[in-house]
Amino acid sequence: MKVGDLVKENWGLKRVGVVLSSIRCSTARDNWKMGVMYGDVHPVVDVLISGTGEKAVCDIDQLELLNESR
């Protein structure tokens, strides 16, 4: 997964978005936004959600790759 890839959440609202950052380890602030334990470490990316303009932090295990950027 890299910057520019088109992804879809594979749970919940199944929103579609574009990846804005490379894969990184989650921080305490990311964990708060995702609703997971403070000390947990997850591989995450920033995603621009289509239609809302919202920038969300998403765990890569909960994203489905729809189309790769070149």
PDB file of N, CA and C in Angstrom:
ATOM      1  N   MET A   1       0.848  -1.170   0.000  1.00  0.00           N
ATOM      2  CA  MET A   1       0.000   0.000   0.000  1.00  0.00           C
ATOM      3  C   MET A   1       0.897   1.238   0.000  1.00  0.00           C
ATOM      4  N   LYS A   2       0.604   2.160  -0.914  1.00  0.00           N
ATOM      5  CA  LYS A   2       1.435   3.362  -1.021  1.00  0.00           C
ATOM      6  C   LYS A   2       0.563   4.584  -1.301  1.00  0.00           C
ATOM      7  N   VAL A   3       1.187   5.743  -1.287  1.00  0.00           N
ATOM      8  CA  VAL A   3       0.478   7.002  -1.516  1.00  0.00           C
ATOM      9  C   VAL A   3      -0.196   6.969  -2.894  1.00  0.00           C
ATOM     10  N   GLY A   4      -1.461   7.364  -2.933  1.00  0.00           N
ATOM     11  CA  GLY A   4      -2.207   7.426  -4.183  1.00  0.00           C
ATOM     12  C   GLY A   4      -3.077   6.217  -4.456  1.00  0.00           C
ATOM     13  N   ASP A   5      -2.935   5.149  -3.681  1.00  0.00           N
ATOM     14  CA  ASP A   5      -3.758   3.958  -3.880  1.00  0.00           C
ATOM     15  C   ASP A   5      -5.213   4.249  -3.494  1.00  0.00           C
ATOM     16  N   LEU A   6      -6.144   3.658  -4.230  1.00  0.00           N
ATOM     17  CA  LEU A   6      -7.567   3.760  -3.924  1.00  0.00           C
ATOM     18  C   LEU A   6      -7.937   2.579  -3.029  1.00  0.00           C
ATOM     19  N   VAL A   7      -8.526   2.866  -1.876  1.00  0.00           N
ATOM     20  CA  VAL A   7      -8.847   1.824  -0.904  1.00  0.00           C
ATOM     21  C   VAL A   7     -10.301   1.942  -0.446  1.00  0.00           C
ATOM     22  N   LYS A   8     -10.803   0.843   0.144  1.00  0.00           N
ATOM     23  CA  LYS A   8     -12.156   0.820   0.706  1.00  0.00           C
ATOM     24  C   LYS A   8     -12.081   0.144   2.069  1.00  0.00           C
ATOM     25  N   GLU A   9     -12.800   0.692   3.036  1.00  0.00           N
ATOM     26  CA  GLU A   9     -12.894   0.042   4.343  1.00  0.00           C
ATOM     27  C   GLU A   9     -13.638  -1.277   4.169  1.00  0.00           C
ATOM     28  N   ASN A  10     -13.126  -2.332   4.793  1.00  0.00           N
ATOM     29  CA  ASN A  10     -13.818  -3.619   4.660  1.00  0.00           C
ATOM     30  C   ASN A  10     -14.669  -3.920   5.892  1.00  0.00           C
ATOM     31  N   TRP A  11     -15.136  -2.879   6.563  1.00  0.00           N
ATOM     32  CA  TRP A  11     -16.020  -2.995   7.729  1.00  0.00           C
ATOM     33  C   TRP A  11     -16.841  -1.709   7.826  1.00  0.00           C
ATOM     34  N   GLY A  12     -17.871  -1.708   8.617  1.00  0.00           N
ATOM     35  CA  GLY A  12     -18.630  -0.487   8.895  1.00  0.00           C
ATOM     36  C   GLY A  12     -19.274   0.140   7.677  1.00  0.00           C
ATOM     37  N   LEU A  13     -18.936   1.412   7.432  1.00  0.00           N
ATOM     38  CA  LEU A  13     -19.567   2.178   6.363  1.00  0.00           C
ATOM     39  C   LEU A  13     -19.035   1.848   4.976  1.00  0.00           C
ATOM     40  N   LYS A  14     -17.929   1.130   4.901  1.00  0.00           N
ATOM     41  CA  LYS A  14     -17.297   0.759   3.624  1.00  0.00           C
ATOM     42  C   LYS A  14     -17.018   1.982   2.756  1.00  0.00           C
ATOM     43  N   ARG A  15     -16.453   3.036   3.398  1.00  0.00           N
ATOM     44  CA  ARG A  15     -16.126   4.263   2.683  1.00  0.00           C
ATOM     45  C   ARG A  15     -14.929   4.041   1.766  1.00  0.00           C
ATOM     46  N   VAL A  16     -14.876   4.794   0.681  1.00  0.00           N
ATOM     47  CA  VAL A  16     -13.789   4.734  -0.294  1.00  0.00           C
ATOM     48  C   VAL A  16     -12.920   5.966  -0.107  1.00  0.00           C
ATOM     49  N   GLY A  17     -11.599   5.807  -0.298  1.00  0.00           N
ATOM     50  CA  GLY A  17     -10.699   6.941  -0.150  1.00  0.00           C
ATOM     51  C   GLY A  17      -9.363   6.708  -0.820  1.00  0.00           C
ATOM     52  N   VAL A  18      -8.510   7.719  -0.740  1.00  0.00           N
ATOM     53  CA  VAL A  18      -7.175   7.684  -1.341  1.00  0.00           C
ATOM     54  C   VAL A  18      -6.137   7.762  -0.225  1.00  0.00           C
ATOM     55  N   VAL A  19      -5.119   6.908  -0.297  1.00  0.00           N
ATOM     56  CA  VAL A  19      -4.066   6.884   0.711  1.00  0.00           C
ATOM     57  C   VAL A  19      -3.205   8.136   0.572  1.00  0.00           C
ATOM     58  N   LEU A  20      -2.964   8.830   1.702  1.00  0.00           N
ATOM     59  CA  LEU A  20      -2.181  10.067   1.712  1.00  0.00           C
ATOM     60  C   LEU A  20      -0.779   9.910   2.291  1.00  0.00           C
ATOM     61  N   SER A  21      -0.507   8.802   2.988  1.00  0.00           N
ATOM     62  CA  SER A  21       0.795   8.638   3.634  1.00  0.00           C
ATOM     63  C   SER A  21       1.286   7.200   3.459  1.00  0.00           C
ATOM     64  N   SER A  22       2.569   7.009   3.684  1.00  0.00           N
ATOM     65  CA  SER A  22       3.102   5.653   3.668  1.00  0.00           C
ATOM     66  C   SER A  22       2.747   4.966   4.979  1.00  0.00           C
ATOM     67  N   ILE A  23       2.926   3.659   5.027  1.00  0.00           N
ATOM     68  CA  ILE A  23       2.602   2.883   6.226  1.00  0.00           C
ATOM     69  C   ILE A  23       3.532   3.287   7.362  1.00  0.00           C
ATOM     70  N   ARG A  24       2.944   3.493   8.544  1.00  0.00           N
ATOM     71  CA  ARG A  24       3.718   3.870   9.725  1.00  0.00           C
ATOM     72  C   ARG A  24       3.099   3.205  10.943  1.00  0.00           C
ATOM     73  N   CYS A  25       3.793   3.254  12.069  1.00  0.00           N
ATOM     74  CA  CYS A  25       3.255   2.735  13.329  1.00  0.00           C
ATOM     75  C   CYS A  25       2.333   3.782  13.937  1.00  0.00           C
ATOM     76  N   SER A  26       1.265   3.322  14.550  1.00  0.00           N
ATOM     77  CA  SER A  26       0.305   4.250  15.148  1.00  0.00           C
ATOM     78  C   SER A  26       0.878   4.914  16.394  1.00  0.00           C
ATOM     79  N   THR A  27       0.415   6.123  16.637  1.00  0.00           N
ATOM     80  CA  THR A  27       0.789   6.870  17.840  1.00  0.00           C
ATOM     81  C   THR A  27      -0.380   6.824  18.819  1.00  0.00           C
ATOM     82  N   ALA A  28      -0.188   7.369  20.002  1.00  0.00           N
ATOM     83  CA  ALA A  28      -1.263   7.415  20.996  1.00  0.00           C
ATOM     84  C   ALA A  28      -2.457   8.198  20.452  1.00  0.00           C
ATOM     85  N   ARG A  29      -2.203   9.269  19.727  1.00  0.00           N
ATOM     86  CA  ARG A  29      -3.295  10.075  19.145  1.00  0.00           C
ATOM     87  C   ARG A  29      -4.063   9.278  18.085  1.00  0.00           C
ATOM     88  N   ASP A  30      -3.322   8.521  17.239  1.00  0.00           N
ATOM     89  CA  ASP A  30      -3.976   7.670  16.246  1.00  0.00           C
ATOM     90  C   ASP A  30      -4.856   6.633  16.934  1.00  0.00           C
ATOM     91  N   ASN A  31      -4.341   6.028  18.002  1.00  0.00           N
ATOM     92  CA  ASN A  31      -5.100   5.014  18.732  1.00  0.00           C
ATOM     93  C   ASN A  31      -6.376   5.602  19.314  1.00  0.00           C
ATOM     94  N   TRP A  32      -6.309   6.840  19.812  1.00  0.00           N
ATOM     95  CA  TRP A  32      -7.497   7.500  20.353  1.00  0.00           C
ATOM     96  C   TRP A  32      -8.542   7.681  19.256  1.00  0.00           C
ATOM     97  N   LYS A  33      -8.112   8.110  18.055  1.00  0.00           N
ATOM     98  CA  LYS A  33      -9.046   8.312  16.939  1.00  0.00           C
ATOM     99  C   LYS A  33      -9.664   6.995  16.477  1.00  0.00           C
ATOM    100  N   MET A  34      -8.881   5.912  16.522  1.00  0.00           N
ATOM    101  CA  MET A  34      -9.370   4.608  16.061  1.00  0.00           C
ATOM    102  C   MET A  34     -10.157   3.872  17.147  1.00  0.00           C
ATOM    103  N   GLY A  35     -10.024   4.309  18.397  1.00  0.00           N
ATOM    104  CA  GLY A  35     -10.744   3.677  19.489  1.00  0.00           C
ATOM    105  C   GLY A  35     -10.100   2.399  19.999  1.00  0.00           C
ATOM    106  N   VAL A  36      -8.767   2.329  19.941  1.00  0.00           N
ATOM    107  CA  VAL A  36      -8.053   1.160  20.459  1.00  0.00           C
ATOM    108  C   VAL A  36      -7.240   1.559  21.682  1.00  0.00           C
ATOM    109  N   MET A  37      -6.665   0.586  22.358  1.00  0.00           N
ATOM    110  CA  MET A  37      -5.914   0.833  23.586  1.00  0.00           C
ATOM    111  C   MET A  37      -4.744   1.783  23.346  1.00  0.00           C
ATOM    112  N   TYR A  38      -4.447   2.601  24.336  1.00  0.00           N
ATOM    113  CA  TYR A  38      -3.418   3.639  24.279  1.00  0.00           C
ATOM    114  C   TYR A  38      -2.045   3.098  23.859  1.00  0.00           C
ATOM    115  N   GLY A  39      -1.623   1.984  24.423  1.00  0.00           N
ATOM    116  CA  GLY A  39      -0.278   1.466  24.177  1.00  0.00           C
ATOM    117  C   GLY A  39      -0.149   0.536  22.989  1.00  0.00           C
ATOM    118  N   ASP A  40      -1.255   0.234  22.299  1.00  0.00           N
ATOM    119  CA  ASP A  40      -1.203  -0.667  21.152  1.00  0.00           C
ATOM    120  C   ASP A  40      -0.440  -0.026  19.997  1.00  0.00           C
ATOM    121  N   VAL A  41       0.166  -0.851  19.175  1.00  0.00           N
ATOM    122  CA  VAL A  41       0.868  -0.372  17.979  1.00  0.00           C
ATOM    123  C   VAL A  41       0.269  -1.088  16.776  1.00  0.00           C
ATOM    124  N   HIS A  42      -0.243  -0.307  15.841  1.00  0.00           N
ATOM    125  CA  HIS A  42      -0.869  -0.838  14.633  1.00  0.00           C
ATOM    126  C   HIS A  42      -0.215  -0.208  13.404  1.00  0.00           C
ATOM    127  N   PRO A  43      -0.121  -0.946  12.284  1.00  0.00           N
ATOM    128  CA  PRO A  43       0.329  -0.331  11.035  1.00  0.00           C
ATOM    129  C   PRO A  43      -0.832   0.484  10.459  1.00  0.00           C
ATOM    130  N   VAL A  44      -0.627   1.791  10.279  1.00  0.00           N
ATOM    131  CA  VAL A  44      -1.706   2.679   9.838  1.00  0.00           C
ATOM    132  C   VAL A  44      -1.268   3.546   8.658  1.00  0.00           C
ATOM    133  N   VAL A  45      -2.263   4.100   7.960  1.00  0.00           N
ATOM    134  CA  VAL A  45      -2.041   5.093   6.903  1.00  0.00           C
ATOM    135  C   VAL A  45      -3.100   6.180   7.065  1.00  0.00           C
ATOM    136  N   ASP A  46      -2.812   7.364   6.536  1.00  0.00           N
ATOM    137  CA  ASP A  46      -3.791   8.440   6.481  1.00  0.00           C
ATOM    138  C   ASP A  46      -4.553   8.298   5.169  1.00  0.00           C
ATOM    139  N   VAL A  47      -5.881   8.412   5.243  1.00  0.00           N
ATOM    140  CA  VAL A  47      -6.734   8.241   4.061  1.00  0.00           C
ATOM    141  C   VAL A  47      -7.647   9.447   3.918  1.00  0.00           C
ATOM    142  N   LEU A  48      -7.718  10.002   2.714  1.00  0.00           N
ATOM    143  CA  LEU A  48      -8.663  11.074   2.399  1.00  0.00           C
ATOM    144  C   LEU A  48      -9.952  10.408   1.940  1.00  0.00           C
ATOM    145  N   ILE A  49     -11.013  10.556   2.728  1.00  0.00           N
ATOM    146  CA  ILE A  49     -12.286   9.898   2.447  1.00  0.00           C
ATOM    147  C   ILE A  49     -13.016  10.642   1.329  1.00  0.00           C
ATOM    148  N   SER A  50     -13.423   9.904   0.318  1.00  0.00           N
ATOM    149  CA  SER A  50     -14.109  10.474  -0.836  1.00  0.00           C
ATOM    150  C   SER A  50     -15.464  11.047  -0.451  1.00  0.00           C
ATOM    151  N   GLY A  51     -15.772  12.223  -0.968  1.00  0.00           N
ATOM    152  CA  GLY A  51     -17.069  12.846  -0.758  1.00  0.00           C
ATOM    153  C   GLY A  51     -17.161  13.720   0.478  1.00  0.00           C
ATOM    154  N   THR A  52     -16.362  13.442   1.506  1.00  0.00           N
ATOM    155  CA  THR A  52     -16.442  14.209   2.744  1.00  0.00           C
ATOM    156  C   THR A  52     -15.252  15.136   2.922  1.00  0.00           C
ATOM    157  N   GLY A  53     -14.111  14.805   2.308  1.00  0.00           N
ATOM    158  CA  GLY A  53     -12.897  15.588   2.487  1.00  0.00           C
ATOM    159  C   GLY A  53     -12.250  15.342   3.833  1.00  0.00           C
ATOM    160  N   GLU A  54     -12.719  14.339   4.562  1.00  0.00           N
ATOM    161  CA  GLU A  54     -12.204  14.005   5.888  1.00  0.00           C
ATOM    162  C   GLU A  54     -10.905  13.196   5.761  1.00  0.00           C
ATOM    163  N   LYS A  55      -9.920  13.545   6.587  1.00  0.00           N
ATOM    164  CA  LYS A  55      -8.675  12.783   6.649  1.00  0.00           C
ATOM    165  C   LYS A  55      -8.782  11.835   7.835  1.00  0.00           C
ATOM    166  N   ALA A  56      -8.750  10.539   7.573  1.00  0.00           N
ATOM    167  CA  ALA A  56      -8.923   9.537   8.615  1.00  0.00           C
ATOM    168  C   ALA A  56      -7.661   8.693   8.750  1.00  0.00           C
ATOM    169  N   VAL A  57      -7.407   8.243   9.972  1.00  0.00           N
ATOM    170  CA  VAL A  57      -6.322   7.296  10.236  1.00  0.00           C
ATOM    171  C   VAL A  57      -6.937   5.911  10.206  1.00  0.00           C
ATOM    172  N   CYS A  58      -6.400   5.027   9.347  1.00  0.00           N
ATOM    173  CA  CYS A  58      -6.972   3.690   9.182  1.00  0.00           C
ATOM    174  C   CYS A  58      -5.912   2.618   9.355  1.00  0.00           C
ATOM    175  N   ASP A  59      -6.272   1.558  10.047  1.00  0.00           N
ATOM    176  CA  ASP A  59      -5.427   0.383  10.194  1.00  0.00           C
ATOM    177  C   ASP A  59      -5.389  -0.318   8.830  1.00  0.00           C
ATOM    178  N   ILE A  60      -4.203  -0.685   8.348  1.00  0.00           N
ATOM    179  CA  ILE A  60      -4.122  -1.288   7.010  1.00  0.00           C
ATOM    180  C   ILE A  60      -4.805  -2.648   6.943  1.00  0.00           C
ATOM    181  N   ASP A  61      -4.966  -3.315   8.093  1.00  0.00           N
ATOM    182  CA  ASP A  61      -5.650  -4.607   8.114  1.00  0.00           C
ATOM    183  C   ASP A  61      -7.141  -4.456   7.873  1.00  0.00           C
ATOM    184  N   GLN A  62      -7.663  -3.248   7.982  1.00  0.00           N
ATOM    185  CA  GLN A  62      -9.092  -3.009   7.790  1.00  0.00           C
ATOM    186  C   GLN A  62      -9.380  -2.299   6.474  1.00  0.00           C
ATOM    187  N   LEU A  63      -8.405  -2.290   5.556  1.00  0.00           N
ATOM    188  CA  LEU A  63      -8.582  -1.651   4.250  1.00  0.00           C
ATOM    189  C   LEU A  63      -8.443  -2.681   3.139  1.00  0.00           C
ATOM    190  N   GLU A  64      -9.232  -2.497   2.089  1.00  0.00           N
ATOM    191  CA  GLU A  64      -9.156  -3.341   0.898  1.00  0.00           C
ATOM    192  C   GLU A  64      -8.620  -2.474  -0.240  1.00  0.00           C
ATOM    193  N   LEU A  65      -7.589  -2.943  -0.916  1.00  0.00           N
ATOM    194  CA  LEU A  65      -6.992  -2.213  -2.028  1.00  0.00           C
ATOM    195  C   LEU A  65      -7.870  -2.382  -3.270  1.00  0.00           C
ATOM    196  N   LEU A  66      -8.366  -1.270  -3.816  1.00  0.00           N
ATOM    197  CA  LEU A  66      -9.212  -1.310  -5.008  1.00  0.00           C
ATOM    198  C   LEU A  66      -8.407  -1.077  -6.277  1.00  0.00           C
ATOM    199  N   ASN A  67      -7.460  -0.118  -6.221  1.00  0.00           N
ATOM    200  CA  ASN A  67      -6.687   0.225  -7.406  1.00  0.00           C
ATOM    201  C   ASN A  67      -5.346   0.807  -6.965  1.00  0.00           C
ATOM    202  N   GLU A  68      -4.267   0.301  -7.539  1.00  0.00           N
ATOM    203  CA  GLU A  68      -2.933   0.803  -7.207  1.00  0.00           C
ATOM    204  C   GLU A  68      -2.576   2.006  -8.061  1.00  0.00           C
ATOM    205  N   SER A  69      -1.856   2.967  -7.452  1.00  0.00           N
ATOM    206  CA  SER A  69      -1.347   4.106  -8.219  1.00  0.00           C
ATOM    207  C   SER A  69      -0.064   3.667  -8.903  1.00  0.00           C
ATOM    208  N   ARG A  70       0.322   4.400  -9.891  1.00  0.00           N
ATOM    209  CA  ARG A  70       1.560   4.053 -10.604  1.00  0.00           C
ATOM    210  C   ARG A  70       2.707   4.885 -10.147  1.00  0.00           C
TER     211      ARG A  70
END
